[in-house]
Structures are given as structure tokens and as C-alpha cells.
Amino acid sequence: MLLIAGRPDAPVHLVLGSDALRLVGGARKVVDEEIENWAELSRSTDIPDGAQITT
């Protein structure tokens, strides 16, 4: 951690350890697959071009 402290390119999220890399990588894969599977529905909620949001 001392190697990256204060670096402008330091990661916002740093996963430390092989076990953590495996667990986080697996969890991210599941989330990425779910997002992809539901992408069409997600896109269907877009506001049409030219529409304005009023408050």
C-alpha cells in the first residue's frame, strides 16, 4: 500500500489477496451477466430524443 499511497493513478478500489480477487471477480461476473441479460429492458426506459424533463 505504501507503493501507491499519494500516487495520482492510485486505484479507487484495490482488491488485495488472491482470495479477494477470486471472490470479487466472481461476484462482478454475476452482476455483469445480469446487467447484460436485462439490458434491453434497461434501454427501454430511455427518454425519447428531444423530450424534456420538467420539474
N, C-alpha and C. Protein backbone atom coordinates (compact mmCIF):
# COMPACT_ATOMS: atom_id res chain seq x y z
N MET A 1 0.83 -1.18 0.00
CA MET A 1 0.00 0.00 0.00
C MET A 1 0.87 1.24 0.00
N LEU A 2 2.02 1.14 0.60
CA LEU A 2 2.92 2.29 0.59
C LEU A 2 3.38 2.63 -0.82
N LEU A 3 3.42 1.64 -1.70
CA LEU A 3 3.85 1.88 -3.07
C LEU A 3 2.86 2.76 -3.84
N ILE A 4 1.59 2.73 -3.47
CA ILE A 4 0.60 3.50 -4.22
C ILE A 4 0.10 4.73 -3.48
N ALA A 5 0.42 4.85 -2.22
CA ALA A 5 -0.05 6.00 -1.43
C ALA A 5 0.42 7.30 -2.06
N GLY A 6 -0.50 8.19 -2.30
CA GLY A 6 -0.17 9.50 -2.84
C GLY A 6 0.02 9.55 -4.35
N ARG A 7 -0.09 8.41 -5.01
CA ARG A 7 0.06 8.41 -6.47
C ARG A 7 -1.19 8.97 -7.13
N PRO A 8 -1.05 9.75 -8.17
CA PRO A 8 -2.23 10.29 -8.85
C PRO A 8 -3.05 9.20 -9.55
N ASP A 9 -2.42 8.07 -9.86
CA ASP A 9 -3.13 6.98 -10.55
C ASP A 9 -3.52 5.85 -9.60
N ALA A 10 -3.52 6.13 -8.29
CA ALA A 10 -3.88 5.10 -7.31
C ALA A 10 -5.32 4.64 -7.56
N PRO A 11 -5.55 3.33 -7.44
CA PRO A 11 -6.90 2.83 -7.69
C PRO A 11 -7.89 3.29 -6.62
N VAL A 12 -9.11 3.50 -7.04
CA VAL A 12 -10.18 3.84 -6.10
C VAL A 12 -10.58 2.58 -5.35
N HIS A 13 -10.57 1.46 -6.06
CA HIS A 13 -10.91 0.17 -5.46
C HIS A 13 -9.71 -0.74 -5.62
N LEU A 14 -9.14 -1.16 -4.53
CA LEU A 14 -7.96 -2.03 -4.57
C LEU A 14 -8.31 -3.32 -3.87
N VAL A 15 -8.31 -4.42 -4.62
CA VAL A 15 -8.62 -5.73 -4.07
C VAL A 15 -7.28 -6.39 -3.72
N LEU A 16 -7.12 -6.75 -2.47
CA LEU A 16 -5.85 -7.30 -2.00
C LEU A 16 -6.00 -8.77 -1.64
N GLY A 17 -5.13 -9.58 -2.19
CA GLY A 17 -5.10 -11.00 -1.89
C GLY A 17 -5.76 -11.83 -2.98
N SER A 18 -5.21 -13.03 -3.19
CA SER A 18 -5.74 -13.93 -4.21
C SER A 18 -7.17 -14.34 -3.93
N ASP A 19 -7.49 -14.58 -2.66
CA ASP A 19 -8.86 -14.99 -2.32
C ASP A 19 -9.84 -13.85 -2.60
N ALA A 20 -9.45 -12.63 -2.29
CA ALA A 20 -10.31 -11.48 -2.55
C ALA A 20 -10.49 -11.27 -4.05
N LEU A 21 -9.42 -11.43 -4.82
CA LEU A 21 -9.53 -11.30 -6.28
C LEU A 21 -10.51 -12.32 -6.84
N ARG A 22 -10.44 -13.54 -6.36
CA ARG A 22 -11.33 -14.60 -6.83
C ARG A 22 -12.78 -14.28 -6.46
N LEU A 23 -13.02 -13.90 -5.22
CA LEU A 23 -14.38 -13.61 -4.77
C LEU A 23 -14.98 -12.40 -5.47
N VAL A 24 -14.23 -11.32 -5.53
CA VAL A 24 -14.73 -10.11 -6.18
C VAL A 24 -14.91 -10.33 -7.67
N GLY A 25 -13.97 -11.02 -8.29
CA GLY A 25 -14.09 -11.31 -9.72
C GLY A 25 -15.32 -12.15 -10.03
N GLY A 26 -15.60 -13.14 -9.18
CA GLY A 26 -16.78 -13.97 -9.37
C GLY A 26 -18.06 -13.17 -9.20
N ALA A 27 -18.11 -12.33 -8.19
CA ALA A 27 -19.30 -11.51 -7.94
C ALA A 27 -19.53 -10.52 -9.08
N ARG A 28 -18.47 -9.93 -9.57
CA ARG A 28 -18.61 -8.98 -10.68
C ARG A 28 -19.10 -9.68 -11.94
N LYS A 29 -18.64 -10.90 -12.16
CA LYS A 29 -19.09 -11.66 -13.33
C LYS A 29 -20.60 -11.88 -13.27
N VAL A 30 -21.10 -12.24 -12.10
CA VAL A 30 -22.54 -12.46 -11.94
C VAL A 30 -23.31 -11.17 -12.22
N VAL A 31 -22.84 -10.06 -11.69
CA VAL A 31 -23.51 -8.77 -11.90
C VAL A 31 -23.45 -8.37 -13.37
N ASP A 32 -22.28 -8.53 -13.99
CA ASP A 32 -22.14 -8.19 -15.41
C ASP A 32 -23.09 -9.02 -16.28
N GLU A 33 -23.22 -10.30 -15.97
CA GLU A 33 -24.13 -11.15 -16.74
C GLU A 33 -25.58 -10.71 -16.55
N GLU A 34 -25.95 -10.37 -15.33
CA GLU A 34 -27.31 -9.94 -15.06
C GLU A 34 -27.62 -8.62 -15.78
N ILE A 35 -26.69 -7.70 -15.76
CA ILE A 35 -26.87 -6.43 -16.46
C ILE A 35 -27.06 -6.69 -17.95
N GLU A 36 -26.23 -7.55 -18.53
CA GLU A 36 -26.34 -7.85 -19.95
C GLU A 36 -27.68 -8.53 -20.27
N ASN A 37 -28.11 -9.45 -19.42
CA ASN A 37 -29.37 -10.16 -19.65
C ASN A 37 -30.57 -9.22 -19.63
N TRP A 38 -30.50 -8.16 -18.88
CA TRP A 38 -31.62 -7.23 -18.75
C TRP A 38 -31.38 -5.90 -19.47
N ALA A 39 -30.37 -5.84 -20.31
CA ALA A 39 -30.00 -4.59 -20.99
C ALA A 39 -31.13 -4.05 -21.86
N GLU A 40 -31.85 -4.93 -22.55
CA GLU A 40 -32.93 -4.46 -23.42
C GLU A 40 -34.01 -3.76 -22.61
N LEU A 41 -34.39 -4.34 -21.48
CA LEU A 41 -35.38 -3.70 -20.62
C LEU A 41 -34.85 -2.37 -20.08
N SER A 42 -33.59 -2.35 -19.68
CA SER A 42 -32.99 -1.12 -19.17
C SER A 42 -33.04 -0.01 -20.22
N ARG A 43 -32.70 -0.35 -21.46
CA ARG A 43 -32.71 0.65 -22.53
C ARG A 43 -34.13 1.11 -22.86
N SER A 44 -35.11 0.25 -22.62
CA SER A 44 -36.49 0.61 -22.95
C SER A 44 -37.04 1.74 -22.08
N THR A 45 -36.34 2.09 -21.03
CA THR A 45 -36.80 3.16 -20.15
C THR A 45 -36.21 4.52 -20.52
N ASP A 46 -35.41 4.56 -21.60
CA ASP A 46 -34.81 5.83 -22.03
C ASP A 46 -35.89 6.83 -22.41
N ILE A 47 -35.59 8.08 -22.15
CA ILE A 47 -36.46 9.17 -22.59
C ILE A 47 -36.19 9.39 -24.07
N PRO A 48 -37.24 9.50 -24.89
CA PRO A 48 -37.03 9.71 -26.32
C PRO A 48 -36.20 10.98 -26.60
N ASP A 49 -35.42 10.94 -27.65
CA ASP A 49 -34.62 12.12 -28.03
C ASP A 49 -35.54 13.33 -28.20
N GLY A 50 -35.11 14.44 -27.68
CA GLY A 50 -35.86 15.67 -27.81
C GLY A 50 -36.84 15.90 -26.67
N ALA A 51 -37.12 14.87 -25.89
CA ALA A 51 -38.04 15.06 -24.77
C ALA A 51 -37.35 15.83 -23.67
N GLN A 52 -38.12 16.60 -22.95
CA GLN A 52 -37.57 17.39 -21.86
C GLN A 52 -38.13 16.90 -20.54
N ILE A 53 -37.27 16.91 -19.55
CA ILE A 53 -37.70 16.57 -18.19
C ILE A 53 -38.07 17.87 -17.50
N THR A 54 -39.29 17.94 -16.99
CA THR A 54 -39.72 19.15 -16.29
C THR A 54 -39.90 18.82 -14.82
N THR A 55 -39.62 19.81 -14.00
CA THR A 55 -39.78 19.61 -12.55
C THR A 55 -40.93 20.39 -12.02
